[in-house]
Amino acid sequence: MKKLMLLLGVLLMNVTFAKANDVKPVDDYPKAVVNITKMLGTLTINEDFEKAETIRFSAMVNSDNELVVLQVNTKNEAFKSHLIQKLNYQKVEKGVMTPGKLYSFVVKFKPE
């Protein structure tokens, strides 16, 4: 009986340690927002707008650490094309975003 309890204890410890070694990369969301803001730069469209425009978009990082824009929630084609042109397939720093994970961001364009 003692040997059985010892065997169960050792087995339980092995399972616990094996689970602790399975570490996933940690996202750095604030750093990702800073990177995306830098990539977007200034708004370069020829269309004038009077109100601030808030756009939500979803993206993910592929295995080559490139940002892939999946969906842009706006009816304004000028903003949509600007966002896709500036962000799609741009390199992102390793460790900032997890490849394959879906991210959602909000961008606010303000008139000058």
Protein backbone atom coordinates (compact mmCIF):
# COMPACT_ATOMS: atom_id res chain seq x y z
CA MET A 1 0.00 0.00 0.00
CA LYS A 2 2.88 2.37 0.80
CA LYS A 3 4.45 1.66 -2.58
CA LEU A 4 1.16 2.41 -4.33
CA MET A 5 0.78 5.74 -2.51
CA LEU A 6 4.41 6.62 -3.27
CA LEU A 7 3.89 5.75 -6.94
CA LEU A 8 0.74 7.92 -7.10
CA GLY A 9 2.58 10.79 -5.42
CA VAL A 10 5.47 10.63 -7.88
CA LEU A 11 3.08 10.36 -10.81
CA LEU A 12 1.11 13.36 -9.61
CA MET A 13 4.30 15.42 -9.22
CA ASN A 14 5.42 14.52 -12.76
CA VAL A 15 2.09 15.62 -14.22
CA THR A 16 2.23 18.88 -12.24
CA PHE A 17 5.78 19.70 -13.35
CA ALA A 18 5.03 18.81 -16.96
CA LYS A 19 2.07 21.18 -16.91
CA ALA A 20 4.19 23.98 -15.41
CA ASN A 21 6.72 23.73 -18.26
CA ASP A 22 4.04 24.40 -20.89
CA VAL A 23 4.46 28.20 -20.98
CA LYS A 24 2.67 30.24 -23.63
CA PRO A 25 4.00 33.57 -24.91
CA VAL A 26 2.65 36.62 -23.13
CA ASP A 27 0.97 39.36 -25.15
CA ASP A 28 2.06 42.93 -24.64
CA TYR A 29 -1.14 44.71 -25.75
CA PRO A 30 -0.02 48.28 -24.90
CA LYS A 31 3.17 47.77 -26.92
CA ALA A 32 1.11 46.37 -29.80
CA VAL A 33 -1.06 49.50 -29.76
CA VAL A 34 2.05 51.71 -29.88
CA ASN A 35 3.42 49.71 -32.83
CA ILE A 36 0.16 49.95 -34.75
CA THR A 37 -0.04 53.69 -34.08
CA LYS A 38 3.47 54.12 -35.51
CA MET A 39 2.61 52.00 -38.55
CA LEU A 40 -0.53 54.03 -39.26
CA GLY A 41 1.29 57.34 -39.16
CA THR A 42 -0.60 60.41 -40.32
CA LEU A 43 -3.82 60.18 -42.24
CA THR A 44 -3.18 60.69 -45.95
CA ILE A 45 -6.54 60.79 -47.70
CA ASN A 46 -7.88 63.50 -49.96
CA GLU A 47 -11.33 63.41 -48.44
CA ASP A 48 -12.33 66.06 -45.87
CA PHE A 49 -14.26 64.99 -42.82
CA GLU A 50 -15.77 67.12 -40.08
CA LYS A 51 -16.43 64.68 -37.25
CA ALA A 52 -14.03 62.30 -35.56
CA GLU A 53 -14.28 58.82 -37.01
CA THR A 54 -13.90 55.78 -34.75
CA ILE A 55 -13.08 52.54 -36.51
CA ARG A 56 -12.84 49.07 -34.99
CA PHE A 57 -10.78 46.49 -36.83
CA SER A 58 -9.67 42.95 -36.16
CA ALA A 59 -6.30 41.51 -37.09
CA MET A 60 -3.98 38.64 -36.34
CA VAL A 61 -0.30 37.89 -36.73
CA ASN A 62 0.79 35.13 -39.11
CA SER A 63 3.75 32.78 -38.62
CA ASP A 64 6.10 35.31 -40.27
CA ASN A 65 5.23 37.97 -37.63
CA GLU A 66 3.25 39.99 -40.16
CA LEU A 67 0.04 41.74 -39.18
CA VAL A 68 -2.94 40.61 -41.27
CA VAL A 69 -6.03 42.85 -41.20
CA LEU A 70 -9.12 40.63 -41.28
CA GLN A 71 -12.06 42.98 -40.86
CA VAL A 72 -12.57 46.75 -40.79
CA ASN A 73 -15.89 48.02 -39.43
CA THR A 74 -16.53 51.22 -41.35
CA LYS A 75 -18.62 52.24 -44.32
CA ASN A 76 -16.12 54.93 -45.35
CA GLU A 77 -13.96 53.36 -48.06
CA ALA A 78 -11.22 56.01 -47.77
CA PHE A 79 -10.58 55.17 -44.10
CA LYS A 80 -10.84 51.45 -44.79
CA SER A 81 -8.32 51.48 -47.64
CA HIS A 82 -5.93 53.71 -45.66
CA LEU A 83 -6.00 51.33 -42.71
CA ILE A 84 -5.52 48.22 -44.84
CA GLN A 85 -2.79 49.82 -46.95
CA LYS A 86 -0.77 50.95 -43.91
CA LEU A 87 -1.15 47.84 -41.73
CA ASN A 88 -1.67 44.75 -43.88
CA TYR A 89 1.40 42.46 -43.95
CA GLN A 90 3.61 44.84 -41.95
CA LYS A 91 6.21 43.22 -39.69
CA VAL A 92 5.51 43.24 -35.93
CA GLU A 93 8.12 42.75 -33.21
CA LYS A 94 8.43 39.18 -31.94
CA GLY A 95 6.80 38.56 -28.57
CA VAL A 96 4.43 41.51 -28.79
CA MET A 97 1.54 39.59 -30.34
CA THR A 98 0.91 35.84 -30.40
CA PRO A 99 0.73 34.35 -33.92
CA GLY A 100 -2.72 32.97 -34.74
CA LYS A 101 -4.53 34.90 -32.00
CA LEU A 102 -7.34 37.29 -33.00
CA TYR A 103 -6.92 40.91 -31.83
CA SER A 104 -9.37 43.78 -31.90
CA PHE A 105 -8.28 47.42 -32.02
CA VAL A 106 -10.03 50.78 -32.13
CA VAL A 107 -8.62 53.67 -34.17
CA LYS A 108 -9.91 57.22 -33.92
CA PHE A 109 -9.28 59.65 -36.76
CA LYS A 110 -9.75 63.32 -35.80
CA PRO A 111 -10.13 66.23 -38.23
CA GLU A 112 -7.47 68.94 -38.08
